[in-house]
Amino acid sequence: MARDFNEDDLVYGDSWGLVHRGVLEDREIERMKALRDKVYGKVGVAITTLKPIGRVEIDGEVYEARLNNGYLDVRTQVKAVGVDVGYVLVNEYRKEGN
């Protein structure tokens, strides 16, 4: 990832969940950080409709995912923008210039 996180930062990239370090146990934080590092910034595809929760495939692995709001149809490209407890946070992927 491009930026480092310190003790006062959120641990979930550009998360909407805003879960702060003092809320979760250390092992759960480490698990979420590992997942974030694995998927952050990667492009995948919705394998179910996201309304706003569903499933996506990124690098051949399936994850529970959540949009900030709205919905996306099956086979829509998505980009992972963070991790919140139990979910990879995604936005619709739009190629630059479109």
C-alpha atoms as a PDB file:
ATOM      1  CA  MET A   1       0.000   0.000   0.000  1.00  0.00           C
ATOM      2  CA  ALA A   2       1.073   3.516  -0.657  1.00  0.00           C
ATOM      3  CA  ARG A   3       0.645   4.885   2.851  1.00  0.00           C
ATOM      4  CA  ASP A   4       1.607   3.708   6.310  1.00  0.00           C
ATOM      5  CA  PHE A   5      -0.816   3.576   9.228  1.00  0.00           C
ATOM      6  CA  ASN A   6       0.066   4.615  12.753  1.00  0.00           C
ATOM      7  CA  GLU A   7      -1.699   3.941  16.057  1.00  0.00           C
ATOM      8  CA  ASP A   8      -4.126   6.839  15.568  1.00  0.00           C
ATOM      9  CA  ASP A   9      -5.149   5.968  12.016  1.00  0.00           C
ATOM     10  CA  LEU A  10      -8.034   3.847  10.891  1.00  0.00           C
ATOM     11  CA  VAL A  11      -6.831   0.393   9.976  1.00  0.00           C
ATOM     12  CA  TYR A  12      -9.031  -0.179   6.967  1.00  0.00           C
ATOM     13  CA  GLY A  13      -7.720   1.890   4.074  1.00  0.00           C
ATOM     14  CA  ASP A  14     -10.414   4.192   2.743  1.00  0.00           C
ATOM     15  CA  SER A  15     -13.067   2.466   4.866  1.00  0.00           C
ATOM     16  CA  TRP A  16     -16.545   3.850   5.382  1.00  0.00           C
ATOM     17  CA  GLY A  17     -16.843   1.752   8.530  1.00  0.00           C
ATOM     18  CA  LEU A  18     -14.623   4.033  10.605  1.00  0.00           C
ATOM     19  CA  VAL A  19     -13.753   1.287  13.072  1.00  0.00           C
ATOM     20  CA  HIS A  20     -10.918   2.590  15.208  1.00  0.00           C
ATOM     21  CA  ARG A  21      -8.075   0.611  16.712  1.00  0.00           C
ATOM     22  CA  GLY A  22      -9.558   0.604  20.256  1.00  0.00           C
ATOM     23  CA  VAL A  23     -12.720  -1.286  19.247  1.00  0.00           C
ATOM     24  CA  LEU A  24     -11.349  -4.671  18.118  1.00  0.00           C
ATOM     25  CA  GLU A  25      -8.957  -7.211  19.594  1.00  0.00           C
ATOM     26  CA  ASP A  26      -5.423  -7.089  18.218  1.00  0.00           C
ATOM     27  CA  ARG A  27      -5.717 -10.432  16.408  1.00  0.00           C
ATOM     28  CA  GLU A  28      -8.871  -9.245  14.605  1.00  0.00           C
ATOM     29  CA  ILE A  29      -7.131  -6.018  13.625  1.00  0.00           C
ATOM     30  CA  GLU A  30      -4.196  -7.994  12.241  1.00  0.00           C
ATOM     31  CA  ARG A  31      -6.575 -10.244  10.282  1.00  0.00           C
ATOM     32  CA  MET A  32      -8.350  -7.217   8.803  1.00  0.00           C
ATOM     33  CA  LYS A  33      -5.043  -5.539   7.932  1.00  0.00           C
ATOM     34  CA  ALA A  34      -3.836  -8.715   6.186  1.00  0.00           C
ATOM     35  CA  LEU A  35      -7.058  -8.867   4.172  1.00  0.00           C
ATOM     36  CA  ARG A  36      -6.785  -5.160   3.332  1.00  0.00           C
ATOM     37  CA  ASP A  37      -3.208  -5.611   2.149  1.00  0.00           C
ATOM     38  CA  LYS A  38      -4.292  -8.582   0.019  1.00  0.00           C
ATOM     39  CA  VAL A  39      -7.165  -6.871  -1.818  1.00  0.00           C
ATOM     40  CA  TYR A  40      -6.759  -3.075  -1.496  1.00  0.00           C
ATOM     41  CA  GLY A  41      -6.763  -1.354  -4.880  1.00  0.00           C
ATOM     42  CA  LYS A  42      -7.404  -4.547  -6.844  1.00  0.00           C
ATOM     43  CA  VAL A  43     -10.076  -4.899  -9.482  1.00  0.00           C
ATOM     44  CA  GLY A  44     -12.525  -7.776  -9.399  1.00  0.00           C
ATOM     45  CA  VAL A  45     -16.036  -8.643 -10.502  1.00  0.00           C
ATOM     46  CA  ALA A  46     -19.383  -8.886  -8.739  1.00  0.00           C
ATOM     47  CA  ILE A  47     -20.530 -12.519  -8.748  1.00  0.00           C
ATOM     48  CA  THR A  48     -23.862 -11.623  -7.140  1.00  0.00           C
ATOM     49  CA  THR A  49     -25.903  -8.457  -7.254  1.00  0.00           C
ATOM     50  CA  LEU A  50     -24.569  -5.999  -4.661  1.00  0.00           C
ATOM     51  CA  LYS A  51     -27.588  -4.366  -2.936  1.00  0.00           C
ATOM     52  CA  PRO A  52     -25.327  -3.052  -1.287  1.00  0.00           C
ATOM     53  CA  ILE A  53     -24.036  -6.387   0.126  1.00  0.00           C
ATOM     54  CA  GLY A  54     -23.085  -9.365  -2.001  1.00  0.00           C
ATOM     55  CA  ARG A  55     -20.084 -11.345  -3.199  1.00  0.00           C
ATOM     56  CA  VAL A  56     -17.168 -10.405  -5.402  1.00  0.00           C
ATOM     57  CA  GLU A  57     -14.285 -12.308  -6.910  1.00  0.00           C
ATOM     58  CA  ILE A  58     -10.817 -10.781  -6.719  1.00  0.00           C
ATOM     59  CA  ASP A  59      -7.744 -12.686  -7.931  1.00  0.00           C
ATOM     60  CA  GLY A  60      -9.749 -15.910  -8.086  1.00  0.00           C
ATOM     61  CA  GLU A  61     -10.990 -15.690  -4.482  1.00  0.00           C
ATOM     62  CA  VAL A  62     -14.552 -14.944  -3.382  1.00  0.00           C
ATOM     63  CA  TYR A  63     -15.238 -12.326  -0.696  1.00  0.00           C
ATOM     64  CA  GLU A  64     -18.289 -10.886   1.015  1.00  0.00           C
ATOM     65  CA  ALA A  65     -18.435  -7.285  -0.169  1.00  0.00           C
ATOM     66  CA  ARG A  66     -20.284  -4.059   0.533  1.00  0.00           C
ATOM     67  CA  LEU A  67     -20.902  -0.890  -1.460  1.00  0.00           C
ATOM     68  CA  ASN A  68     -21.212   2.491   0.210  1.00  0.00           C
ATOM     69  CA  ASN A  69     -24.744   2.738  -1.179  1.00  0.00           C
ATOM     70  CA  GLY A  70     -26.848   1.717  -4.139  1.00  0.00           C
ATOM     71  CA  TYR A  71     -26.421  -1.527  -6.030  1.00  0.00           C
ATOM     72  CA  LEU A  72     -24.409  -3.135  -8.823  1.00  0.00           C
ATOM     73  CA  ASP A  73     -25.397  -5.920 -11.182  1.00  0.00           C
ATOM     74  CA  VAL A  74     -23.676  -9.279 -11.547  1.00  0.00           C
ATOM     75  CA  ARG A  75     -20.495  -9.139 -13.668  1.00  0.00           C
ATOM     76  CA  THR A  76     -19.903  -5.440 -12.930  1.00  0.00           C
ATOM     77  CA  GLN A  77     -16.239  -4.671 -12.357  1.00  0.00           C
ATOM     78  CA  VAL A  78     -15.433  -3.451  -8.846  1.00  0.00           C
ATOM     79  CA  LYS A  79     -12.390  -2.022  -7.102  1.00  0.00           C
ATOM     80  CA  ALA A  80     -11.529  -2.829  -3.476  1.00  0.00           C
ATOM     81  CA  VAL A  81     -11.185   0.401  -1.477  1.00  0.00           C
ATOM     82  CA  GLY A  82     -10.940  -0.938   2.084  1.00  0.00           C
ATOM     83  CA  VAL A  83     -12.029  -3.523   4.607  1.00  0.00           C
ATOM     84  CA  ASP A  84     -14.648  -3.271   7.313  1.00  0.00           C
ATOM     85  CA  VAL A  85     -15.406  -6.051   9.794  1.00  0.00           C
ATOM     86  CA  GLY A  86     -16.506  -8.979   7.663  1.00  0.00           C
ATOM     87  CA  TYR A  87     -16.577  -7.167   4.304  1.00  0.00           C
ATOM     88  CA  VAL A  88     -14.340  -6.000   1.506  1.00  0.00           C
ATOM     89  CA  LEU A  89     -15.508  -2.473   0.691  1.00  0.00           C
ATOM     90  CA  VAL A  90     -15.880  -1.881  -3.037  1.00  0.00           C
ATOM     91  CA  ASN A  91     -16.789   0.790  -5.565  1.00  0.00           C
ATOM     92  CA  GLU A  92     -17.748   0.310  -9.173  1.00  0.00           C
ATOM     93  CA  TYR A  93     -14.548   0.241 -11.216  1.00  0.00           C
ATOM     94  CA  ARG A  94     -14.342   2.833 -13.936  1.00  0.00           C
ATOM     95  CA  LYS A  95     -11.312   3.022 -16.160  1.00  0.00           C
ATOM     96  CA  GLU A  96      -9.638   6.414 -16.101  1.00  0.00           C
ATOM     97  CA  GLY A  97     -10.930   8.671 -18.840  1.00  0.00           C
ATOM     98  CA  ASN A  98     -14.431   7.123 -18.785  1.00  0.00           C
END
